[in-house]
């Protein structure tokens, strides 16, 4: 999975939020199925890349948790 999210300039202490939805499916390896209710990790953790005063940095983020709910 690859996602590019440009939030522009943030002030010190300002936050930006990203919400996305994950579709359920089976894959041949039997991983990332999300077909049963529960909490699953989407990946091992994204890498955030950023610019401060023209200097690029990066930061490893924690894994993204997906919560699967029973349909109504």
Protein backbone atom coordinates (compact mmCIF):
# COMPACT_ATOMS: atom_id res chain seq x y z
CA UNK A 1 0.00 0.00 0.00
CA UNK A 2 1.27 3.47 -0.86
CA UNK A 3 -0.43 6.67 0.23
CA UNK A 4 0.61 10.27 -0.40
CA UNK A 5 -1.02 12.87 1.82
CA UNK A 6 0.03 16.50 1.51
CA UNK A 7 -1.19 18.52 4.49
CA UNK A 8 0.67 21.71 3.64
CA UNK A 9 2.24 23.83 6.40
CA UNK A 10 1.33 23.13 10.02
CA UNK A 11 1.92 25.48 12.92
CA UNK A 12 3.78 24.21 15.99
CA UNK A 13 1.41 21.92 17.91
CA UNK A 14 -1.15 21.82 15.08
CA UNK A 15 -2.43 18.38 14.07
CA UNK A 16 -3.80 16.89 10.87
CA UNK A 17 -5.96 13.75 10.85
CA UNK A 18 -6.37 11.12 8.15
CA UNK A 19 -9.27 8.65 8.18
CA UNK A 20 -9.52 5.90 5.59
CA UNK A 21 -11.62 2.79 5.09
CA UNK A 22 -10.30 -0.70 4.31
CA UNK A 23 -12.24 -3.23 2.23
CA UNK A 24 -12.36 -6.84 3.34
CA UNK A 25 -11.12 -9.57 1.03
CA UNK A 26 -9.20 -12.85 0.96
CA UNK A 27 -5.75 -12.99 -0.58
CA UNK A 28 -3.86 -16.12 -1.70
CA UNK A 29 -1.42 -15.97 1.22
CA UNK A 30 -4.29 -15.76 3.72
CA UNK A 31 -3.01 -12.47 5.15
CA UNK A 32 -4.76 -9.16 5.69
CA UNK A 33 -8.11 -10.82 5.21
CA UNK A 34 -10.20 -8.74 7.63
CA UNK A 35 -13.13 -11.15 7.24
CA UNK A 36 -13.76 -11.73 10.96
CA UNK A 37 -14.49 -9.12 13.63
CA UNK A 38 -11.45 -8.03 15.58
CA UNK A 39 -8.40 -5.78 15.49
CA UNK A 40 -5.66 -6.35 12.94
CA UNK A 41 -2.48 -4.53 11.93
CA UNK A 42 -2.53 -3.24 8.36
CA UNK A 43 1.26 -3.13 8.04
CA UNK A 44 4.47 -2.94 10.02
CA UNK A 45 4.25 0.85 10.17
CA UNK A 46 4.38 3.63 7.61
CA UNK A 47 7.31 5.97 7.07
CA UNK A 48 6.40 9.65 7.31
CA UNK A 49 8.55 11.97 5.21
CA UNK A 50 8.51 15.71 5.87
CA UNK A 51 10.27 18.99 5.06
CA UNK A 52 11.40 21.55 7.65
CA UNK A 53 13.06 24.65 6.24
CA UNK A 54 13.80 22.77 3.01
CA UNK A 55 15.48 19.83 4.78
CA UNK A 56 13.79 16.44 4.33
CA UNK A 57 13.46 14.12 7.29
CA UNK A 58 11.66 10.85 7.91
CA UNK A 59 10.08 9.12 10.88
CA UNK A 60 8.96 5.52 11.31
CA UNK A 61 5.39 5.47 12.58
CA UNK A 62 3.63 2.73 14.58
CA UNK A 63 1.61 0.07 12.71
CA UNK A 64 -1.87 1.03 11.51
CA UNK A 65 -4.57 -0.89 13.37
CA UNK A 66 -7.75 -1.87 11.52
CA UNK A 67 -10.89 -2.64 13.55
CA UNK A 68 -13.39 -4.95 11.81
CA UNK A 69 -17.01 -4.74 12.98
CA UNK A 70 -19.89 -7.13 12.31
CA UNK A 71 -22.24 -5.72 9.65
CA UNK A 72 -25.54 -4.31 10.92
